[in-house]
Amino acid sequence: MNKLVYTIVFGLLFLAFSCCSSSKIKADNKFQNNPPFKIVKAVYKNWVGGQPGVKGYLVQFEIDNPEIVLDTVYFRNMKTKLKKDFTSENNTYVGTFILPHIIKDYILHKDPKKEFGNEPPIVSENIPFVLNDNEAVISYIFNNKTAYYKVSNIIEIKNTSKY
C-alpha cells in the first residue's frame, strides 16, 4: 500500500513539473520560416505624448495577405496586441508601446517605517525571445493556430516635427 501511494504521488509530481515547461515557447521550434504572408513594410518610431514624460514606440507592419490576422508583437523586451489600421488602404497592423515615464524618488532609511509609501519599481516583462533592438516577433493566427515569425531589420522612422 505504501509503494502505491509513493508511486501515485511521484507520478502526479512528475506530471506537474513536466507541464511547467509547456507554458514557455520552445526555443527550437518557435519561429515559422515560411509564413503565409510577406512583410511589405516594418517600421517603428519614437513618439512623445502631450504630457511631460509620456513617450513610447509605435510599431507598424504591413503584410500582403488580408486573410492573416496578426495578434501580438514582441519588441524591446515588451509585448503588446496589434490592432488593424482601418484608416490605411493596405493591410496594416499597429502596436503601441508606452514606456514608464515617472522616475520616482525612494526614501531609504535605517528605520523601515520611514520608507513607508515607497512604491515598487516597474519591472519590464521578460518575453520568451532574445531580440536585438531592430528585431521583433509577430504572433499571428493561421488555420486557428498561433504561430510566430521573427522580423529583422525593422526600420526606424525619425520624427520630423520641429518642437
C-alpha atoms as a PDB file:
ATOM      1  CA  MET A   1       0.000   0.000   0.000  1.00  0.00           C
ATOM      2  CA  ASN A   2       2.849   2.340   0.864  1.00  0.00           C
ATOM      3  CA  LYS A   3       4.504   1.736  -2.528  1.00  0.00           C
ATOM      4  CA  LEU A   4       1.238   2.520  -4.302  1.00  0.00           C
ATOM      5  CA  VAL A   5       0.913   5.876  -2.521  1.00  0.00           C
ATOM      6  CA  TYR A   6       4.531   6.782  -3.334  1.00  0.00           C
ATOM      7  CA  THR A   7       4.030   5.791  -6.964  1.00  0.00           C
ATOM      8  CA  ILE A   8       0.893   7.905  -7.297  1.00  0.00           C
ATOM      9  CA  VAL A   9       2.475  10.931  -5.584  1.00  0.00           C
ATOM     10  CA  PHE A  10       5.633  10.608  -7.707  1.00  0.00           C
ATOM     11  CA  GLY A  11       3.524  10.302 -10.877  1.00  0.00           C
ATOM     12  CA  LEU A  12       1.495  13.413 -10.031  1.00  0.00           C
ATOM     13  CA  LEU A  13       4.631  15.408  -9.240  1.00  0.00           C
ATOM     14  CA  PHE A  14       6.219  14.268 -12.486  1.00  0.00           C
ATOM     15  CA  LEU A  15       3.155  15.374 -14.472  1.00  0.00           C
ATOM     16  CA  ALA A  16       3.011  18.710 -12.658  1.00  0.00           C
ATOM     17  CA  PHE A  17       6.663  19.522 -13.329  1.00  0.00           C
ATOM     18  CA  SER A  18       6.567  18.313 -16.916  1.00  0.00           C
ATOM     19  CA  CYS A  19       3.701  20.708 -17.676  1.00  0.00           C
ATOM     20  CA  CYS A  20       5.637  23.727 -16.377  1.00  0.00           C
ATOM     21  CA  SER A  21       7.777  24.000 -19.476  1.00  0.00           C
ATOM     22  CA  SER A  22       4.812  23.891 -21.839  1.00  0.00           C
ATOM     23  CA  SER A  23       3.832  27.456 -20.917  1.00  0.00           C
ATOM     24  CA  LYS A  24       7.061  28.823 -22.401  1.00  0.00           C
ATOM     25  CA  ILE A  25       7.624  28.831 -26.130  1.00  0.00           C
ATOM     26  CA  LYS A  26      10.183  26.231 -27.100  1.00  0.00           C
ATOM     27  CA  ALA A  27      13.376  27.813 -28.400  1.00  0.00           C
ATOM     28  CA  ASP A  28      13.974  25.215 -31.084  1.00  0.00           C
ATOM     29  CA  ASN A  29      10.501  25.265 -32.622  1.00  0.00           C
ATOM     30  CA  LYS A  30       9.134  28.770 -32.193  1.00  0.00           C
ATOM     31  CA  PHE A  31       9.595  30.590 -35.495  1.00  0.00           C
ATOM     32  CA  GLN A  32       7.994  29.879 -38.844  1.00  0.00           C
ATOM     33  CA  ASN A  33      10.474  30.022 -41.709  1.00  0.00           C
ATOM     34  CA  ASN A  34       7.858  30.387 -44.454  1.00  0.00           C
ATOM     35  CA  PRO A  35       4.815  32.206 -43.098  1.00  0.00           C
ATOM     36  CA  PRO A  36       1.701  32.525 -45.279  1.00  0.00           C
ATOM     37  CA  PHE A  37       2.354  36.239 -45.754  1.00  0.00           C
ATOM     38  CA  LYS A  38       5.150  38.602 -46.675  1.00  0.00           C
ATOM     39  CA  ILE A  39       6.122  41.661 -44.698  1.00  0.00           C
ATOM     40  CA  VAL A  40       5.785  44.585 -47.106  1.00  0.00           C
ATOM     41  CA  LYS A  41       6.834  47.204 -44.551  1.00  0.00           C
ATOM     42  CA  ALA A  42       8.134  47.005 -40.982  1.00  0.00           C
ATOM     43  CA  VAL A  43       8.834  50.330 -39.279  1.00  0.00           C
ATOM     44  CA  TYR A  44       8.845  51.874 -35.830  1.00  0.00           C
ATOM     45  CA  LYS A  45       9.146  55.355 -34.448  1.00  0.00           C
ATOM     46  CA  ASN A  46       9.510  57.031 -31.097  1.00  0.00           C
ATOM     47  CA  TRP A  47       6.591  59.161 -30.022  1.00  0.00           C
ATOM     48  CA  VAL A  48       6.108  61.737 -27.305  1.00  0.00           C
ATOM     49  CA  GLY A  49       2.713  62.424 -25.763  1.00  0.00           C
ATOM     50  CA  GLY A  50       1.094  65.651 -24.701  1.00  0.00           C
ATOM     51  CA  GLN A  51       2.018  65.217 -21.026  1.00  0.00           C
ATOM     52  CA  PRO A  52       5.596  65.608 -19.761  1.00  0.00           C
ATOM     53  CA  GLY A  53       7.425  62.293 -19.712  1.00  0.00           C
ATOM     54  CA  VAL A  54       4.835  60.343 -21.712  1.00  0.00           C
ATOM     55  CA  LYS A  55       6.593  58.525 -24.531  1.00  0.00           C
ATOM     56  CA  GLY A  56       6.868  55.190 -26.273  1.00  0.00           C
ATOM     57  CA  TYR A  57       7.214  53.318 -29.553  1.00  0.00           C
ATOM     58  CA  LEU A  58       4.785  52.880 -32.411  1.00  0.00           C
ATOM     59  CA  VAL A  59       5.478  49.713 -34.422  1.00  0.00           C
ATOM     60  CA  GLN A  60       3.795  49.208 -37.796  1.00  0.00           C
ATOM     61  CA  PHE A  61       3.667  46.124 -40.026  1.00  0.00           C
ATOM     62  CA  GLU A  62       2.167  45.903 -43.483  1.00  0.00           C
ATOM     63  CA  ILE A  63       1.537  42.407 -44.863  1.00  0.00           C
ATOM     64  CA  ASP A  64       0.364  41.199 -48.248  1.00  0.00           C
ATOM     65  CA  ASN A  65      -2.216  38.578 -47.165  1.00  0.00           C
ATOM     66  CA  PRO A  66      -5.532  40.019 -45.870  1.00  0.00           C
ATOM     67  CA  GLU A  67      -6.639  36.584 -44.609  1.00  0.00           C
ATOM     68  CA  ILE A  68      -3.968  36.529 -41.910  1.00  0.00           C
ATOM     69  CA  VAL A  69      -4.686  38.130 -38.540  1.00  0.00           C
ATOM     70  CA  LEU A  70      -1.654  39.487 -36.704  1.00  0.00           C
ATOM     71  CA  ASP A  71      -2.123  39.137 -32.960  1.00  0.00           C
ATOM     72  CA  THR A  72       0.811  40.296 -30.818  1.00  0.00           C
ATOM     73  CA  VAL A  73       4.202  41.919 -31.305  1.00  0.00           C
ATOM     74  CA  TYR A  74       7.230  41.384 -29.055  1.00  0.00           C
ATOM     75  CA  PHE A  75       9.676  44.289 -29.285  1.00  0.00           C
ATOM     76  CA  ARG A  76      12.478  45.524 -26.990  1.00  0.00           C
ATOM     77  CA  ASN A  77      11.563  43.238 -24.090  1.00  0.00           C
ATOM     78  CA  MET A  78       7.897  44.297 -24.224  1.00  0.00           C
ATOM     79  CA  LYS A  79       4.775  42.932 -25.828  1.00  0.00           C
ATOM     80  CA  THR A  80       1.502  44.433 -26.970  1.00  0.00           C
ATOM     81  CA  LYS A  81      -1.523  43.491 -29.030  1.00  0.00           C
ATOM     82  CA  LEU A  82      -1.522  44.527 -32.658  1.00  0.00           C
ATOM     83  CA  LYS A  83      -4.529  46.420 -33.980  1.00  0.00           C
ATOM     84  CA  LYS A  84      -5.580  46.581 -37.592  1.00  0.00           C
ATOM     85  CA  ASP A  85      -5.281  50.086 -39.028  1.00  0.00           C
ATOM     86  CA  PHE A  86      -8.575  50.618 -40.862  1.00  0.00           C
ATOM     87  CA  THR A  87      -7.547  54.103 -41.987  1.00  0.00           C
ATOM     88  CA  SER A  88      -4.884  52.607 -44.242  1.00  0.00           C
ATOM     89  CA  GLU A  89      -5.733  51.188 -47.656  1.00  0.00           C
ATOM     90  CA  ASN A  90      -3.123  48.478 -47.121  1.00  0.00           C
ATOM     91  CA  ASN A  91      -3.258  45.523 -44.743  1.00  0.00           C
ATOM     92  CA  THR A  92      -1.515  47.333 -41.869  1.00  0.00           C
ATOM     93  CA  TYR A  93      -1.259  46.490 -38.168  1.00  0.00           C
ATOM     94  CA  VAL A  94      -0.066  48.865 -35.456  1.00  0.00           C
ATOM     95  CA  GLY A  95       1.281  48.199 -31.957  1.00  0.00           C
ATOM     96  CA  THR A  96       1.715  50.959 -29.381  1.00  0.00           C
ATOM     97  CA  PHE A  97       4.194  50.640 -26.536  1.00  0.00           C
ATOM     98  CA  ILE A  98       4.070  53.105 -23.650  1.00  0.00           C
ATOM     99  CA  LEU A  99       7.328  53.433 -21.750  1.00  0.00           C
ATOM    100  CA  PRO A 100       7.347  54.014 -17.996  1.00  0.00           C
ATOM    101  CA  HIS A 101       7.707  57.750 -17.621  1.00  0.00           C
ATOM    102  CA  ILE A 102       7.973  58.589 -13.963  1.00  0.00           C
ATOM    103  CA  ILE A 103      11.317  58.468 -12.214  1.00  0.00           C
ATOM    104  CA  LYS A 104      10.459  58.162  -8.567  1.00  0.00           C
ATOM    105  CA  ASP A 105      12.481  59.221  -5.579  1.00  0.00           C
ATOM    106  CA  TYR A 106      12.731  56.484  -2.992  1.00  0.00           C
ATOM    107  CA  ILE A 107      13.179  57.117   0.683  1.00  0.00           C
ATOM    108  CA  LEU A 108      15.968  54.913   2.031  1.00  0.00           C
ATOM    109  CA  HIS A 109      16.383  54.909   5.772  1.00  0.00           C
ATOM    110  CA  LYS A 110      17.567  52.674   8.607  1.00  0.00           C
ATOM    111  CA  ASP A 111      14.090  52.822  10.062  1.00  0.00           C
ATOM    112  CA  PRO A 112      11.763  50.846   7.751  1.00  0.00           C
ATOM    113  CA  LYS A 113       8.777  52.870   8.972  1.00  0.00           C
ATOM    114  CA  LYS A 114      10.246  55.950   7.295  1.00  0.00           C
ATOM    115  CA  GLU A 115      10.338  54.069   3.983  1.00  0.00           C
ATOM    116  CA  PHE A 116       6.578  53.591   4.088  1.00  0.00           C
ATOM    117  CA  GLY A 117       4.991  54.908   0.919  1.00  0.00           C
ATOM    118  CA  ASN A 118       7.747  53.795  -1.457  1.00  0.00           C
ATOM    119  CA  GLU A 119       6.175  52.162  -4.469  1.00  0.00           C
ATOM    120  CA  PRO A 120       7.803  49.115  -6.029  1.00  0.00           C
ATOM    121  CA  PRO A 121       9.658  49.802  -9.278  1.00  0.00           C
ATOM    122  CA  ILE A 122       8.029  48.987 -12.590  1.00  0.00           C
ATOM    123  CA  VAL A 123       9.840  45.964 -13.951  1.00  0.00           C
ATOM    124  CA  SER A 124       9.622  45.265 -17.652  1.00  0.00           C
ATOM    125  CA  GLU A 125       8.163  41.945 -18.621  1.00  0.00           C
ATOM    126  CA  ASN A 126      10.533  39.208 -19.661  1.00  0.00           C
ATOM    127  CA  ILE A 127       9.469  37.988 -23.061  1.00  0.00           C
ATOM    128  CA  PRO A 128      10.352  34.466 -24.218  1.00  0.00           C
ATOM    129  CA  PHE A 129      12.601  35.748 -27.014  1.00  0.00           C
ATOM    130  CA  VAL A 130      16.079  37.233 -27.206  1.00  0.00           C
ATOM    131  CA  LEU A 131      15.911  40.100 -29.696  1.00  0.00           C
ATOM    132  CA  ASN A 132      18.133  42.898 -30.931  1.00  0.00           C
ATOM    133  CA  ASP A 133      16.846  46.483 -30.899  1.00  0.00           C
ATOM    134  CA  ASN A 134      15.776  46.320 -34.561  1.00  0.00           C
ATOM    135  CA  GLU A 135      14.069  42.915 -34.314  1.00  0.00           C
ATOM    136  CA  ALA A 136      10.558  41.888 -33.365  1.00  0.00           C
ATOM    137  CA  VAL A 137       8.494  38.724 -33.192  1.00  0.00           C
ATOM    138  CA  ILE A 138       4.951  38.698 -34.513  1.00  0.00           C
ATOM    139  CA  SER A 139       2.413  36.146 -33.391  1.00  0.00           C
ATOM    140  CA  TYR A 140      -0.310  35.502 -35.931  1.00  0.00           C
ATOM    141  CA  ILE A 141      -3.295  33.236 -36.312  1.00  0.00           C
ATOM    142  CA  PHE A 142      -3.470  30.901 -39.296  1.00  0.00           C
ATOM    143  CA  ASN A 143      -5.833  27.906 -39.539  1.00  0.00           C
ATOM    144  CA  ASN A 144      -6.908  28.521 -35.917  1.00  0.00           C
ATOM    145  CA  LYS A 145      -3.323  28.034 -34.712  1.00  0.00           C
ATOM    146  CA  THR A 146      -0.959  30.622 -33.285  1.00  0.00           C
ATOM    147  CA  ALA A 147       2.439  30.819 -34.954  1.00  0.00           C
ATOM    148  CA  TYR A 148       5.440  33.098 -34.563  1.00  0.00           C
ATOM    149  CA  TYR A 149       7.550  34.917 -37.126  1.00  0.00           C
ATOM    150  CA  LYS A 150      10.748  36.840 -36.420  1.00  0.00           C
ATOM    151  CA  VAL A 151      11.096  40.141 -38.268  1.00  0.00           C
ATOM    152  CA  SER A 152      14.624  41.503 -38.617  1.00  0.00           C
ATOM    153  CA  ASN A 153      15.808  44.921 -39.715  1.00  0.00           C
ATOM    154  CA  ILE A 154      12.816  46.978 -38.633  1.00  0.00           C
ATOM    155  CA  ILE A 155      13.445  50.480 -39.926  1.00  0.00           C
ATOM    156  CA  GLU A 156      13.284  53.427 -37.539  1.00  0.00           C
ATOM    157  CA  ILE A 157      11.379  56.437 -38.841  1.00  0.00           C
ATOM    158  CA  LYS A 158      12.800  59.654 -37.458  1.00  0.00           C
ATOM    159  CA  ASN A 159      10.327  62.252 -36.220  1.00  0.00           C
ATOM    160  CA  THR A 160      10.398  65.286 -38.485  1.00  0.00           C
ATOM    161  CA  SER A 161       8.491  67.667 -36.227  1.00  0.00           C
ATOM    162  CA  LYS A 162      10.358  70.767 -35.052  1.00  0.00           C
ATOM    163  CA  TYR A 163       9.038  71.062 -31.489  1.00  0.00           C
END
